[in-house]
Amino acid sequence: QVQLVGSGGGLVQAGGSLRLSCAASERTFSTYVVGWFRQAPGKEREFVAGISRSGVTTSYAESVKGRFTISRENAKNTVYLQMSSLKLGDTAVYYCAAAAASGIWSVFTRNSEYRYWGQGTQVTVSS
């Protein structure tokens, strides 16, 4: 059972930056694909970014490409989401998720592909 704890959310002005962290309890965290999702009020949860076990492969939603960067430090069992040039539309609860993967290059982009979820951290972008 992998436990994930997301942190780093907060209130930021449009154009600003935040870094989210996702800390995992699992010692074999390097065998898990990790993704970030977000859910705004009244909307479905959507994929934001994902990273492979090795960290070599990443994937981003079109809406965040060029502004967000996902990375991981397996030695610290932690995945990060660096968010820059934040927009009002980025306001949401952000969730990290993990799934075991056999391939070192795999990245998952769908909710259903992830088994473990963190509790969510609120990001609010103000004008």
C-alpha atoms as a PDB file:
ATOM      1  CA  GLN A   1       0.000   0.000   0.000  1.00  0.00           C
ATOM      2  CA  VAL A   2       1.523   3.279  -1.136  1.00  0.00           C
ATOM      3  CA  GLN A   3       0.633   6.402   0.813  1.00  0.00           C
ATOM      4  CA  LEU A   4       1.027   9.711  -0.966  1.00  0.00           C
ATOM      5  CA  VAL A   5       1.106  13.135   0.652  1.00  0.00           C
ATOM      6  CA  GLY A   6       0.771  16.159  -1.563  1.00  0.00           C
ATOM      7  CA  SER A   7       1.859  19.594  -0.391  1.00  0.00           C
ATOM      8  CA  GLY A   8       2.918  23.014  -1.587  1.00  0.00           C
ATOM      9  CA  GLY A   9      -0.398  24.466  -2.662  1.00  0.00           C
ATOM     10  CA  GLY A  10      -1.489  27.957  -1.779  1.00  0.00           C
ATOM     11  CA  LEU A  11      -2.662  31.324  -3.025  1.00  0.00           C
ATOM     12  CA  VAL A  12      -0.638  32.965  -5.764  1.00  0.00           C
ATOM     13  CA  GLN A  13      -1.170  35.832  -8.160  1.00  0.00           C
ATOM     14  CA  ALA A  14      -1.539  35.230 -11.859  1.00  0.00           C
ATOM     15  CA  GLY A  15       1.876  34.986 -13.457  1.00  0.00           C
ATOM     16  CA  GLY A  16       3.411  33.606 -10.283  1.00  0.00           C
ATOM     17  CA  SER A  17       4.917  30.234  -9.463  1.00  0.00           C
ATOM     18  CA  LEU A  18       4.391  27.375  -7.041  1.00  0.00           C
ATOM     19  CA  ARG A  19       6.072  24.028  -6.526  1.00  0.00           C
ATOM     20  CA  LEU A  20       3.994  21.075  -5.452  1.00  0.00           C
ATOM     21  CA  SER A  21       5.534  18.039  -3.811  1.00  0.00           C
ATOM     22  CA  CYS A  22       4.279  14.477  -3.570  1.00  0.00           C
ATOM     23  CA  ALA A  23       5.994  12.377  -0.923  1.00  0.00           C
ATOM     24  CA  ALA A  24       5.537   8.614  -0.937  1.00  0.00           C
ATOM     25  CA  SER A  25       5.818   6.102   1.867  1.00  0.00           C
ATOM     26  CA  GLU A  26       6.955   3.277  -0.373  1.00  0.00           C
ATOM     27  CA  ARG A  27      10.635   2.328  -0.367  1.00  0.00           C
ATOM     28  CA  THR A  28      10.290   0.959  -3.887  1.00  0.00           C
ATOM     29  CA  PHE A  29       8.893   4.255  -5.145  1.00  0.00           C
ATOM     30  CA  SER A  30      11.218   4.091  -8.120  1.00  0.00           C
ATOM     31  CA  THR A  31       9.048   1.293  -9.533  1.00  0.00           C
ATOM     32  CA  TYR A  32       5.997   3.563  -9.721  1.00  0.00           C
ATOM     33  CA  VAL A  33       4.770   5.891 -12.429  1.00  0.00           C
ATOM     34  CA  VAL A  34       3.540   9.145 -10.895  1.00  0.00           C
ATOM     35  CA  GLY A  35       1.056  11.636 -12.197  1.00  0.00           C
ATOM     36  CA  TRP A  36      -0.489  14.939 -11.192  1.00  0.00           C
ATOM     37  CA  PHE A  37      -4.168  15.570 -11.764  1.00  0.00           C
ATOM     38  CA  ARG A  38      -6.392  18.509 -10.905  1.00  0.00           C
ATOM     39  CA  GLN A  39     -10.053  19.115 -10.302  1.00  0.00           C
ATOM     40  CA  ALA A  40     -11.707  22.498 -10.451  1.00  0.00           C
ATOM     41  CA  PRO A  41     -15.159  23.126  -8.932  1.00  0.00           C
ATOM     42  CA  GLY A  42     -17.866  21.646 -11.106  1.00  0.00           C
ATOM     43  CA  LYS A  43     -15.386  19.959 -13.429  1.00  0.00           C
ATOM     44  CA  GLU A  44     -14.034  16.473 -13.813  1.00  0.00           C
ATOM     45  CA  ARG A  45     -10.607  15.517 -12.614  1.00  0.00           C
ATOM     46  CA  GLU A  46      -8.107  15.998 -15.426  1.00  0.00           C
ATOM     47  CA  PHE A  47      -4.580  14.878 -16.156  1.00  0.00           C
ATOM     48  CA  VAL A  48      -1.873  17.519 -15.738  1.00  0.00           C
ATOM     49  CA  ALA A  49       1.489  15.773 -15.956  1.00  0.00           C
ATOM     50  CA  GLY A  50       3.067  12.361 -15.577  1.00  0.00           C
ATOM     51  CA  ILE A  51       6.549  10.957 -15.168  1.00  0.00           C
ATOM     52  CA  SER A  52       8.002   7.512 -15.753  1.00  0.00           C
ATOM     53  CA  ARG A  53       9.761   5.395 -13.160  1.00  0.00           C
ATOM     54  CA  SER A  54      13.143   6.529 -14.379  1.00  0.00           C
ATOM     55  CA  GLY A  55      12.147  10.145 -14.773  1.00  0.00           C
ATOM     56  CA  VAL A  56      13.301  10.104 -18.381  1.00  0.00           C
ATOM     57  CA  THR A  57       9.818  10.173 -19.921  1.00  0.00           C
ATOM     58  CA  THR A  58       7.305  12.869 -19.124  1.00  0.00           C
ATOM     59  CA  SER A  59       3.899  13.829 -20.454  1.00  0.00           C
ATOM     60  CA  TYR A  60       1.884  17.022 -20.097  1.00  0.00           C
ATOM     61  CA  ALA A  61      -1.596  18.244 -20.804  1.00  0.00           C
ATOM     62  CA  GLU A  62      -1.634  20.752 -23.637  1.00  0.00           C
ATOM     63  CA  SER A  63      -2.925  23.437 -21.301  1.00  0.00           C
ATOM     64  CA  VAL A  64       0.221  23.339 -19.144  1.00  0.00           C
ATOM     65  CA  LYS A  65       2.951  22.568 -21.644  1.00  0.00           C
ATOM     66  CA  GLY A  66       5.792  25.038 -21.407  1.00  0.00           C
ATOM     67  CA  ARG A  67       4.604  26.283 -18.007  1.00  0.00           C
ATOM     68  CA  PHE A  68       4.707  23.207 -15.737  1.00  0.00           C
ATOM     69  CA  THR A  69       7.572  20.809 -15.163  1.00  0.00           C
ATOM     70  CA  ILE A  70       7.317  17.436 -13.451  1.00  0.00           C
ATOM     71  CA  SER A  71      10.398  15.839 -11.917  1.00  0.00           C
ATOM     72  CA  ARG A  72      11.284  13.224  -9.355  1.00  0.00           C
ATOM     73  CA  GLU A  73      13.943  12.369  -6.793  1.00  0.00           C
ATOM     74  CA  ASN A  74      13.639   8.641  -6.200  1.00  0.00           C
ATOM     75  CA  ALA A  75      16.210   8.756  -3.411  1.00  0.00           C
ATOM     76  CA  LYS A  76      13.772  11.018  -1.529  1.00  0.00           C
ATOM     77  CA  ASN A  77      10.625   9.198  -2.668  1.00  0.00           C
ATOM     78  CA  THR A  78       9.332  12.530  -3.949  1.00  0.00           C
ATOM     79  CA  VAL A  79       7.856  13.896  -7.160  1.00  0.00           C
ATOM     80  CA  TYR A  80       7.583  17.610  -7.847  1.00  0.00           C
ATOM     81  CA  LEU A  81       5.397  19.757 -10.040  1.00  0.00           C
ATOM     82  CA  GLN A  82       6.942  23.142 -10.744  1.00  0.00           C
ATOM     83  CA  MET A  83       4.232  25.503 -11.927  1.00  0.00           C
ATOM     84  CA  SER A  84       5.104  28.813 -13.536  1.00  0.00           C
ATOM     85  CA  SER A  85       3.185  31.546 -15.357  1.00  0.00           C
ATOM     86  CA  LEU A  86       0.114  30.500 -13.445  1.00  0.00           C
ATOM     87  CA  LYS A  87      -3.277  31.458 -14.839  1.00  0.00           C
ATOM     88  CA  LEU A  88      -6.686  31.855 -13.259  1.00  0.00           C
ATOM     89  CA  GLY A  89      -7.701  28.650 -15.008  1.00  0.00           C
ATOM     90  CA  ASP A  90      -5.077  26.697 -13.072  1.00  0.00           C
ATOM     91  CA  THR A  91      -7.099  27.107  -9.887  1.00  0.00           C
ATOM     92  CA  ALA A  92      -8.020  23.626  -8.662  1.00  0.00           C
ATOM     93  CA  VAL A  93      -7.296  20.927  -6.143  1.00  0.00           C
ATOM     94  CA  TYR A  94      -4.190  19.112  -7.299  1.00  0.00           C
ATOM     95  CA  TYR A  95      -3.761  15.402  -6.659  1.00  0.00           C
ATOM     96  CA  CYS A  96      -0.740  13.208  -7.097  1.00  0.00           C
ATOM     97  CA  ALA A  97      -1.221   9.578  -8.012  1.00  0.00           C
ATOM     98  CA  ALA A  98       0.975   6.525  -8.417  1.00  0.00           C
ATOM     99  CA  ALA A  99       0.827   3.211 -10.204  1.00  0.00           C
ATOM    100  CA  ALA A 100       3.215   0.296 -10.332  1.00  0.00           C
ATOM    101  CA  ALA A 101       4.770  -0.134 -13.759  1.00  0.00           C
ATOM    102  CA  SER A 102       7.041  -2.727 -15.238  1.00  0.00           C
ATOM    103  CA  GLY A 103       8.367  -0.552 -18.023  1.00  0.00           C
ATOM    104  CA  ILE A 104      10.872   2.160 -17.198  1.00  0.00           C
ATOM    105  CA  TRP A 105       9.607   4.377 -20.040  1.00  0.00           C
ATOM    106  CA  SER A 106       5.852   4.175 -19.368  1.00  0.00           C
ATOM    107  CA  VAL A 107       3.769   7.208 -18.460  1.00  0.00           C
ATOM    108  CA  PHE A 108       0.080   6.978 -17.677  1.00  0.00           C
ATOM    109  CA  THR A 109      -2.379   9.763 -18.464  1.00  0.00           C
ATOM    110  CA  ARG A 110      -5.767   8.381 -17.424  1.00  0.00           C
ATOM    111  CA  ASN A 111      -7.353   8.376 -13.975  1.00  0.00           C
ATOM    112  CA  SER A 112      -8.164   4.694 -14.255  1.00  0.00           C
ATOM    113  CA  GLU A 113      -4.525   3.760 -14.696  1.00  0.00           C
ATOM    114  CA  TYR A 114      -3.562   4.998 -11.248  1.00  0.00           C
ATOM    115  CA  ARG A 115      -4.215   2.967  -8.125  1.00  0.00           C
ATOM    116  CA  TYR A 116      -2.927   5.192  -5.332  1.00  0.00           C
ATOM    117  CA  TRP A 117      -3.962   8.798  -4.732  1.00  0.00           C
ATOM    118  CA  GLY A 118      -2.871  11.571  -2.420  1.00  0.00           C
ATOM    119  CA  GLN A 119      -5.269  13.760  -0.463  1.00  0.00           C
ATOM    120  CA  GLY A 120      -5.046  16.806  -2.717  1.00  0.00           C
ATOM    121  CA  THR A 121      -3.624  20.273  -2.244  1.00  0.00           C
ATOM    122  CA  GLN A 122      -5.462  23.471  -3.149  1.00  0.00           C
ATOM    123  CA  VAL A 123      -3.956  25.880  -5.660  1.00  0.00           C
ATOM    124  CA  THR A 124      -5.704  29.218  -6.039  1.00  0.00           C
ATOM    125  CA  VAL A 125      -4.591  31.742  -8.630  1.00  0.00           C
ATOM    126  CA  SER A 126      -5.857  35.279  -8.161  1.00  0.00           C
ATOM    127  CA  SER A 127      -5.936  38.218 -10.549  1.00  0.00           C
END
